[in-house]
């Protein structure tokens, strides 16, 4: 897989500038997904799921239509919430309980989004390539999620 089109420092600056001054969660989530879809090659889906009670609910995304609700503990996204850890999956077909929203997806990276130390959402990224995401990709995306999570959102 190709590396991101921007180095991490430049990506953080560009994303922070894009989100600067905006307090609407949906607007910032939409721009974050569009930004990631542009700078990360070999993706077929990138989007947010927001935690609502015991399930994740679809938020802004780039890609084909998607599953709307995912129970906590189910699939890669629900496992991310249940464990509190980023999930980097080289082969989604080998992941127990994988939820196939798009049959073309082969690998997946899901990063928890925290506010005040509590998970409030996940960022889900899918690729049609097996083993698309490296440890470096994971660190890159986690750093950009920190930029997004650092925004001041209106209640």
N, C-alpha and C. Protein backbone atom coordinates (compact mmCIF):
# COMPACT_ATOMS: atom_id res chain seq x y z
N UNK A 1 0.82 -1.21 0.00
CA UNK A 1 0.00 0.00 0.00
C UNK A 1 0.86 1.27 0.00
N UNK A 2 0.33 2.28 -0.58
CA UNK A 2 1.03 3.55 -0.64
C UNK A 2 0.96 4.28 0.70
N UNK A 3 1.98 5.07 1.01
CA UNK A 3 1.94 5.86 2.25
C UNK A 3 0.96 7.02 2.08
N UNK A 4 0.58 7.68 3.18
CA UNK A 4 -0.29 8.85 3.09
C UNK A 4 0.33 9.91 2.16
N UNK A 5 -0.52 10.71 1.55
CA UNK A 5 -0.05 11.71 0.61
C UNK A 5 0.59 12.91 1.30
N UNK A 6 0.36 13.07 2.59
CA UNK A 6 0.96 14.15 3.38
C UNK A 6 1.68 13.56 4.57
N UNK A 7 2.81 14.16 4.95
CA UNK A 7 3.47 13.78 6.19
C UNK A 7 2.57 14.11 7.36
N UNK A 8 2.82 13.49 8.50
CA UNK A 8 1.94 13.67 9.65
C UNK A 8 1.85 15.12 10.11
N UNK A 9 2.99 15.81 10.20
CA UNK A 9 2.97 17.19 10.65
C UNK A 9 2.11 18.07 9.76
N UNK A 10 2.29 17.94 8.45
CA UNK A 10 1.50 18.72 7.50
C UNK A 10 0.03 18.32 7.56
N UNK A 11 -0.26 17.04 7.67
CA UNK A 11 -1.64 16.58 7.76
C UNK A 11 -2.33 17.14 9.00
N UNK A 12 -1.63 17.11 10.13
CA UNK A 12 -2.21 17.66 11.37
C UNK A 12 -2.50 19.16 11.22
N UNK A 13 -1.57 19.89 10.60
CA UNK A 13 -1.78 21.33 10.40
C UNK A 13 -2.97 21.59 9.47
N UNK A 14 -3.04 20.84 8.38
CA UNK A 14 -4.14 21.05 7.43
C UNK A 14 -5.49 20.69 8.05
N UNK A 15 -5.55 19.57 8.77
CA UNK A 15 -6.81 19.18 9.39
C UNK A 15 -7.21 20.18 10.47
N UNK A 16 -6.27 20.60 11.29
CA UNK A 16 -6.57 21.59 12.34
C UNK A 16 -7.09 22.89 11.70
N UNK A 17 -6.49 23.30 10.60
CA UNK A 17 -6.95 24.50 9.91
C UNK A 17 -8.35 24.33 9.34
N UNK A 18 -8.61 23.17 8.81
CA UNK A 18 -9.92 22.87 8.23
C UNK A 18 -11.03 22.91 9.29
N UNK A 19 -10.71 22.44 10.50
CA UNK A 19 -11.71 22.35 11.57
C UNK A 19 -11.75 23.59 12.46
N UNK A 20 -10.76 24.45 12.33
CA UNK A 20 -10.61 25.61 13.20
C UNK A 20 -11.85 26.51 13.20
N UNK A 21 -12.33 26.82 14.40
CA UNK A 21 -13.44 27.76 14.55
C UNK A 21 -14.82 27.15 14.37
N UNK A 22 -14.90 25.92 13.90
CA UNK A 22 -16.20 25.28 13.71
C UNK A 22 -16.53 24.43 14.92
N UNK A 23 -17.73 24.59 15.47
CA UNK A 23 -18.12 23.85 16.67
C UNK A 23 -19.18 22.79 16.41
N UNK A 24 -19.59 22.62 15.15
CA UNK A 24 -20.61 21.62 14.84
C UNK A 24 -19.95 20.26 14.63
N UNK A 25 -20.36 19.29 15.42
CA UNK A 25 -19.80 17.94 15.38
C UNK A 25 -19.95 17.32 13.99
N UNK A 26 -21.14 17.39 13.41
CA UNK A 26 -21.39 16.75 12.13
C UNK A 26 -20.56 17.41 11.02
N UNK A 27 -20.49 18.73 11.02
CA UNK A 27 -19.69 19.42 10.00
C UNK A 27 -18.23 19.03 10.09
N UNK A 28 -17.69 19.00 11.30
CA UNK A 28 -16.28 18.63 11.46
C UNK A 28 -16.03 17.16 11.14
N UNK A 29 -16.96 16.30 11.49
CA UNK A 29 -16.82 14.88 11.15
C UNK A 29 -16.86 14.70 9.63
N UNK A 30 -17.73 15.43 8.96
CA UNK A 30 -17.83 15.33 7.50
C UNK A 30 -16.53 15.78 6.85
N UNK A 31 -16.00 16.90 7.27
CA UNK A 31 -14.75 17.38 6.68
C UNK A 31 -13.57 16.48 7.02
N UNK A 32 -13.57 15.88 8.20
CA UNK A 32 -12.50 14.96 8.58
C UNK A 32 -12.52 13.73 7.69
N UNK A 33 -13.69 13.18 7.41
CA UNK A 33 -13.76 12.00 6.54
C UNK A 33 -13.33 12.34 5.13
N UNK A 34 -13.73 13.50 4.62
CA UNK A 34 -13.33 13.91 3.27
C UNK A 34 -11.81 14.10 3.21
N UNK A 35 -11.24 14.70 4.24
CA UNK A 35 -9.80 14.92 4.30
C UNK A 35 -9.06 13.59 4.30
N UNK A 36 -9.47 12.66 5.15
CA UNK A 36 -8.81 11.35 5.22
C UNK A 36 -8.95 10.58 3.92
N UNK A 37 -10.11 10.68 3.30
CA UNK A 37 -10.34 10.00 2.03
C UNK A 37 -9.40 10.54 0.95
N UNK A 38 -9.03 11.80 1.06
CA UNK A 38 -8.13 12.41 0.09
C UNK A 38 -6.66 12.06 0.35
N UNK A 39 -6.25 12.01 1.62
CA UNK A 39 -4.81 11.82 1.91
C UNK A 39 -4.38 10.37 2.09
N UNK A 40 -5.32 9.46 2.29
CA UNK A 40 -4.98 8.05 2.45
C UNK A 40 -5.39 7.28 1.19
N UNK A 41 -4.44 6.72 0.46
CA UNK A 41 -4.78 5.97 -0.74
C UNK A 41 -5.33 4.58 -0.42
N UNK A 42 -5.94 3.99 -1.42
CA UNK A 42 -6.41 2.59 -1.36
C UNK A 42 -7.50 2.37 -0.31
N UNK A 43 -8.46 3.30 -0.22
CA UNK A 43 -9.60 3.14 0.69
C UNK A 43 -10.86 2.95 -0.13
N UNK A 44 -11.84 2.27 0.46
CA UNK A 44 -13.15 2.24 -0.16
C UNK A 44 -14.24 2.78 0.79
N UNK A 45 -13.85 3.12 2.04
CA UNK A 45 -14.82 3.69 2.97
C UNK A 45 -14.08 4.32 4.14
N UNK A 46 -14.54 5.48 4.56
CA UNK A 46 -14.03 6.12 5.77
C UNK A 46 -15.17 6.91 6.39
N UNK A 47 -15.40 6.70 7.68
CA UNK A 47 -16.50 7.42 8.32
C UNK A 47 -16.53 7.23 9.82
N UNK A 48 -17.43 7.97 10.42
CA UNK A 48 -17.63 7.93 11.86
C UNK A 48 -18.89 7.16 12.23
N UNK A 49 -18.81 6.49 13.36
CA UNK A 49 -19.98 5.94 14.05
C UNK A 49 -19.98 6.57 15.44
N UNK A 50 -21.11 7.16 15.84
CA UNK A 50 -21.23 7.82 17.14
C UNK A 50 -21.88 6.88 18.14
N UNK A 51 -21.33 6.84 19.33
CA UNK A 51 -21.86 5.97 20.38
C UNK A 51 -23.13 6.56 20.95
N UNK A 52 -24.21 5.80 20.88
CA UNK A 52 -25.51 6.19 21.41
C UNK A 52 -26.01 5.03 22.27
N UNK A 53 -25.81 5.14 23.59
CA UNK A 53 -26.20 4.05 24.48
C UNK A 53 -25.31 2.85 24.24
N UNK A 54 -25.92 1.72 23.89
CA UNK A 54 -25.16 0.48 23.70
C UNK A 54 -24.97 0.13 22.22
N UNK A 55 -25.06 1.16 21.36
CA UNK A 55 -24.84 0.91 19.94
C UNK A 55 -24.15 2.10 19.28
N UNK A 56 -23.52 1.80 18.17
CA UNK A 56 -22.89 2.83 17.34
C UNK A 56 -23.86 3.18 16.22
N UNK A 57 -24.00 4.49 15.96
CA UNK A 57 -24.91 4.97 14.93
C UNK A 57 -24.11 5.69 13.86
N UNK A 58 -24.39 5.38 12.61
CA UNK A 58 -23.69 5.94 11.47
C UNK A 58 -23.68 7.46 11.48
N UNK A 59 -22.49 8.02 11.24
CA UNK A 59 -22.33 9.46 11.09
C UNK A 59 -21.80 9.77 9.70
N UNK A 60 -21.21 10.95 9.51
CA UNK A 60 -20.69 11.32 8.20
C UNK A 60 -19.64 10.33 7.70
N UNK A 61 -19.67 10.08 6.38
CA UNK A 61 -18.74 9.12 5.79
C UNK A 61 -18.51 9.44 4.33
N UNK A 62 -17.49 8.80 3.76
CA UNK A 62 -17.18 8.82 2.33
C UNK A 62 -17.17 7.37 1.87
N UNK A 63 -17.93 7.05 0.84
CA UNK A 63 -17.97 5.69 0.33
C UNK A 63 -19.38 5.24 0.04
N UNK A 64 -19.51 3.93 -0.17
CA UNK A 64 -20.82 3.34 -0.45
C UNK A 64 -21.71 3.38 0.80
N UNK A 65 -22.99 3.11 0.61
CA UNK A 65 -23.91 3.06 1.74
C UNK A 65 -23.37 2.08 2.78
N UNK A 66 -23.80 2.29 4.04
CA UNK A 66 -23.19 1.54 5.15
C UNK A 66 -24.23 1.05 6.14
N UNK A 67 -23.78 0.17 7.00
CA UNK A 67 -24.61 -0.27 8.12
C UNK A 67 -24.94 0.94 8.97
N UNK A 68 -26.17 1.04 9.45
CA UNK A 68 -26.60 2.22 10.21
C UNK A 68 -26.32 2.05 11.69
N UNK A 69 -26.56 0.87 12.25
CA UNK A 69 -26.38 0.64 13.68
C UNK A 69 -25.55 -0.61 13.91
N UNK A 70 -24.60 -0.50 14.84
CA UNK A 70 -23.73 -1.61 15.19
C UNK A 70 -23.73 -1.74 16.72
N UNK A 71 -24.12 -2.88 17.26
CA UNK A 71 -24.09 -3.05 18.72
C UNK A 71 -22.66 -3.04 19.26
N UNK A 72 -22.47 -2.44 20.42
CA UNK A 72 -21.17 -2.48 21.09
C UNK A 72 -20.80 -3.95 21.29
N UNK A 73 -19.56 -4.29 20.97
CA UNK A 73 -19.07 -5.66 21.11
C UNK A 73 -19.22 -6.49 19.86
N UNK A 74 -19.91 -5.96 18.83
CA UNK A 74 -20.11 -6.71 17.59
C UNK A 74 -19.27 -6.12 16.47
N UNK A 75 -18.69 -6.97 15.64
CA UNK A 75 -17.90 -6.51 14.52
C UNK A 75 -16.65 -5.78 14.98
N UNK A 76 -15.93 -5.23 14.02
CA UNK A 76 -14.67 -4.55 14.33
C UNK A 76 -14.95 -3.24 15.08
N UNK A 77 -15.95 -2.49 14.63
CA UNK A 77 -16.27 -1.21 15.29
C UNK A 77 -16.75 -1.42 16.73
N UNK A 78 -17.66 -2.36 16.92
CA UNK A 78 -18.17 -2.64 18.26
C UNK A 78 -17.10 -3.19 19.19
N UNK A 79 -16.16 -3.96 18.63
CA UNK A 79 -15.03 -4.48 19.42
C UNK A 79 -14.12 -3.34 19.85
N UNK A 80 -13.93 -2.36 18.99
CA UNK A 80 -13.11 -1.20 19.33
C UNK A 80 -13.68 -0.50 20.57
N UNK A 81 -14.99 -0.32 20.61
CA UNK A 81 -15.62 0.33 21.77
C UNK A 81 -15.49 -0.57 23.00
N UNK A 82 -15.78 -1.85 22.83
CA UNK A 82 -15.77 -2.78 23.98
C UNK A 82 -14.38 -2.89 24.61
N UNK A 83 -13.34 -2.87 23.79
CA UNK A 83 -11.98 -3.02 24.31
C UNK A 83 -11.32 -1.68 24.63
N UNK A 84 -11.79 -0.63 23.98
CA UNK A 84 -11.17 0.69 24.12
C UNK A 84 -9.90 0.85 23.31
N UNK A 85 -9.58 -0.14 22.48
CA UNK A 85 -8.34 -0.13 21.72
C UNK A 85 -8.60 -0.04 20.22
N UNK A 86 -7.68 0.61 19.52
CA UNK A 86 -7.71 0.63 18.06
C UNK A 86 -7.67 -0.82 17.56
N UNK A 87 -8.46 -1.08 16.53
CA UNK A 87 -8.48 -2.39 15.89
C UNK A 87 -7.89 -2.27 14.50
N UNK A 88 -6.79 -2.96 14.23
CA UNK A 88 -6.18 -3.01 12.91
C UNK A 88 -6.29 -4.45 12.42
N UNK A 89 -7.11 -4.65 11.40
CA UNK A 89 -7.45 -6.00 10.95
C UNK A 89 -6.94 -6.19 9.51
N UNK A 90 -6.02 -7.12 9.34
CA UNK A 90 -5.44 -7.39 8.02
C UNK A 90 -6.41 -8.11 7.09
N UNK A 91 -7.27 -8.96 7.66
CA UNK A 91 -8.22 -9.74 6.86
C UNK A 91 -9.55 -9.77 7.61
N UNK A 92 -10.48 -8.93 7.17
CA UNK A 92 -11.76 -8.84 7.88
C UNK A 92 -12.54 -10.15 7.84
N UNK A 93 -12.31 -10.96 6.82
CA UNK A 93 -13.02 -12.24 6.71
C UNK A 93 -12.58 -13.23 7.79
N UNK A 94 -11.41 -13.00 8.37
CA UNK A 94 -10.91 -13.85 9.45
C UNK A 94 -11.26 -13.29 10.83
N UNK A 95 -11.90 -12.11 10.89
CA UNK A 95 -12.25 -11.49 12.16
C UNK A 95 -13.56 -12.08 12.65
N UNK A 96 -13.58 -12.70 13.84
CA UNK A 96 -14.82 -13.32 14.34
C UNK A 96 -15.94 -12.29 14.48
N UNK A 97 -17.07 -12.57 13.85
CA UNK A 97 -18.23 -11.69 13.96
C UNK A 97 -18.16 -10.45 13.09
N UNK A 98 -17.27 -10.43 12.11
CA UNK A 98 -17.16 -9.27 11.22
C UNK A 98 -18.51 -8.98 10.58
N UNK A 99 -18.87 -7.71 10.53
CA UNK A 99 -20.11 -7.27 9.90
C UNK A 99 -19.74 -6.73 8.52
N UNK A 100 -20.19 -7.39 7.48
CA UNK A 100 -19.83 -7.01 6.12
C UNK A 100 -20.82 -6.01 5.56
N UNK A 101 -20.51 -4.73 5.72
CA UNK A 101 -21.35 -3.68 5.13
C UNK A 101 -21.05 -3.54 3.65
N UNK A 102 -19.80 -3.76 3.26
CA UNK A 102 -19.38 -3.70 1.86
C UNK A 102 -18.50 -4.92 1.61
N UNK A 103 -18.97 -5.81 0.76
CA UNK A 103 -18.25 -7.06 0.50
C UNK A 103 -16.87 -6.84 -0.10
N UNK A 104 -16.59 -5.65 -0.65
CA UNK A 104 -15.28 -5.37 -1.24
C UNK A 104 -14.21 -5.13 -0.18
N UNK A 105 -14.62 -4.80 1.05
CA UNK A 105 -13.64 -4.50 2.10
C UNK A 105 -12.86 -5.75 2.47
N UNK A 106 -11.54 -5.61 2.56
CA UNK A 106 -10.67 -6.73 2.92
C UNK A 106 -9.92 -6.48 4.22
N UNK A 107 -9.60 -5.20 4.49
CA UNK A 107 -8.89 -4.86 5.73
C UNK A 107 -9.55 -3.61 6.32
N UNK A 108 -9.30 -3.41 7.63
CA UNK A 108 -10.03 -2.36 8.33
C UNK A 108 -9.18 -1.80 9.47
N UNK A 109 -9.36 -0.50 9.71
CA UNK A 109 -8.72 0.19 10.83
C UNK A 109 -9.81 0.98 11.53
N UNK A 110 -9.99 0.71 12.83
CA UNK A 110 -11.02 1.42 13.61
C UNK A 110 -10.36 2.03 14.84
N UNK A 111 -10.50 3.36 14.97
CA UNK A 111 -9.85 4.11 16.03
C UNK A 111 -10.91 4.71 16.95
N UNK A 112 -10.78 4.52 18.26
CA UNK A 112 -11.73 5.14 19.18
C UNK A 112 -11.54 6.66 19.24
N UNK A 113 -12.65 7.37 19.37
CA UNK A 113 -12.63 8.83 19.53
C UNK A 113 -13.08 9.10 20.96
N UNK A 114 -12.24 9.80 21.71
CA UNK A 114 -12.54 10.06 23.11
C UNK A 114 -12.77 11.54 23.37
N UNK A 115 -13.69 11.82 24.28
CA UNK A 115 -13.92 13.17 24.80
C UNK A 115 -13.90 13.04 26.31
N UNK A 116 -13.01 13.76 26.96
CA UNK A 116 -12.90 13.64 28.42
C UNK A 116 -12.51 12.25 28.86
N UNK A 117 -11.75 11.53 28.01
CA UNK A 117 -11.30 10.19 28.36
C UNK A 117 -12.33 9.10 28.09
N UNK A 118 -13.51 9.46 27.62
CA UNK A 118 -14.59 8.51 27.38
C UNK A 118 -14.81 8.35 25.88
N UNK A 119 -14.98 7.11 25.42
CA UNK A 119 -15.24 6.88 24.00
C UNK A 119 -16.62 7.41 23.64
N UNK A 120 -16.66 8.28 22.61
CA UNK A 120 -17.91 8.86 22.14
C UNK A 120 -18.22 8.47 20.70
N UNK A 121 -17.21 7.92 20.02
CA UNK A 121 -17.37 7.55 18.61
C UNK A 121 -16.20 6.67 18.20
N UNK A 122 -16.28 6.16 16.98
CA UNK A 122 -15.14 5.51 16.36
C UNK A 122 -15.00 6.04 14.95
N UNK A 123 -13.76 6.07 14.48
CA UNK A 123 -13.49 6.35 13.07
C UNK A 123 -13.17 5.01 12.43
N UNK A 124 -13.91 4.68 11.39
CA UNK A 124 -13.79 3.39 10.71
C UNK A 124 -13.24 3.63 9.31
N UNK A 125 -12.18 2.92 8.95
CA UNK A 125 -11.58 3.03 7.62
C UNK A 125 -11.45 1.63 7.03
N UNK A 126 -11.97 1.46 5.82
CA UNK A 126 -11.92 0.17 5.13
C UNK A 126 -11.11 0.29 3.85
N UNK A 127 -10.49 -0.83 3.46
CA UNK A 127 -9.75 -0.89 2.21
C UNK A 127 -10.09 -2.18 1.47
N UNK A 128 -10.09 -2.13 0.14
CA UNK A 128 -10.29 -3.35 -0.63
C UNK A 128 -9.03 -4.21 -0.69
N UNK A 129 -7.91 -3.71 -0.14
CA UNK A 129 -6.66 -4.46 -0.15
C UNK A 129 -6.47 -5.21 1.17
N UNK A 130 -6.05 -6.45 1.14
CA UNK A 130 -5.73 -7.13 2.39
C UNK A 130 -4.48 -6.49 3.02
N UNK A 131 -4.44 -6.46 4.33
CA UNK A 131 -3.29 -5.94 5.09
C UNK A 131 -2.90 -4.53 4.63
N UNK A 132 -3.89 -3.70 4.35
CA UNK A 132 -3.63 -2.34 3.85
C UNK A 132 -2.97 -1.45 4.90
N UNK A 133 -3.31 -1.65 6.18
CA UNK A 133 -2.92 -0.70 7.22
C UNK A 133 -1.73 -1.21 8.03
N UNK A 134 -0.68 -0.40 8.08
CA UNK A 134 0.52 -0.72 8.84
C UNK A 134 0.43 -0.08 10.22
N UNK A 135 1.39 -0.39 11.08
CA UNK A 135 1.48 0.28 12.38
C UNK A 135 1.69 1.78 12.19
N UNK A 136 2.44 2.17 11.16
CA UNK A 136 2.65 3.59 10.88
C UNK A 136 1.34 4.26 10.46
N UNK A 137 0.53 3.57 9.64
CA UNK A 137 -0.78 4.10 9.26
C UNK A 137 -1.66 4.28 10.50
N UNK A 138 -1.62 3.30 11.40
CA UNK A 138 -2.41 3.37 12.63
C UNK A 138 -2.01 4.60 13.44
N UNK A 139 -0.72 4.82 13.64
CA UNK A 139 -0.25 5.97 14.41
C UNK A 139 -0.65 7.28 13.72
N UNK A 140 -0.59 7.32 12.40
CA UNK A 140 -0.96 8.49 11.61
C UNK A 140 -2.44 8.83 11.84
N UNK A 141 -3.29 7.83 11.68
CA UNK A 141 -4.73 8.06 11.83
C UNK A 141 -5.07 8.39 13.29
N UNK A 142 -4.46 7.71 14.24
CA UNK A 142 -4.72 8.01 15.65
C UNK A 142 -4.36 9.47 15.96
N UNK A 143 -3.28 9.96 15.40
CA UNK A 143 -2.89 11.35 15.62
C UNK A 143 -3.91 12.31 15.02
N UNK A 144 -4.43 12.00 13.85
CA UNK A 144 -5.43 12.85 13.23
C UNK A 144 -6.77 12.78 13.97
N UNK A 145 -7.09 11.63 14.52
CA UNK A 145 -8.30 11.52 15.36
C UNK A 145 -8.14 12.42 16.59
N UNK A 146 -6.94 12.50 17.13
CA UNK A 146 -6.70 13.41 18.26
C UNK A 146 -6.97 14.86 17.88
N UNK A 147 -6.61 15.26 16.66
CA UNK A 147 -6.91 16.61 16.19
C UNK A 147 -8.42 16.82 16.16
N UNK A 148 -9.14 15.87 15.56
CA UNK A 148 -10.61 15.95 15.50
C UNK A 148 -11.20 16.01 16.91
N UNK A 149 -10.77 15.12 17.78
CA UNK A 149 -11.33 15.04 19.15
C UNK A 149 -11.00 16.28 19.97
N UNK A 150 -9.96 17.00 19.59
CA UNK A 150 -9.57 18.21 20.31
C UNK A 150 -10.41 19.42 19.98
N UNK A 151 -11.31 19.31 19.02
CA UNK A 151 -12.19 20.43 18.67
C UNK A 151 -13.15 20.71 19.81
N UNK A 152 -13.53 21.97 19.93
CA UNK A 152 -14.55 22.36 20.90
C UNK A 152 -15.91 22.27 20.22
N UNK A 153 -16.72 21.32 20.66
CA UNK A 153 -18.02 21.12 20.04
C UNK A 153 -19.11 21.76 20.88
N UNK A 154 -20.07 22.40 20.19
CA UNK A 154 -21.22 22.96 20.88
C UNK A 154 -22.10 21.83 21.39
N UNK A 155 -22.80 22.08 22.48
CA UNK A 155 -23.68 21.03 23.04
C UNK A 155 -24.92 20.84 22.19
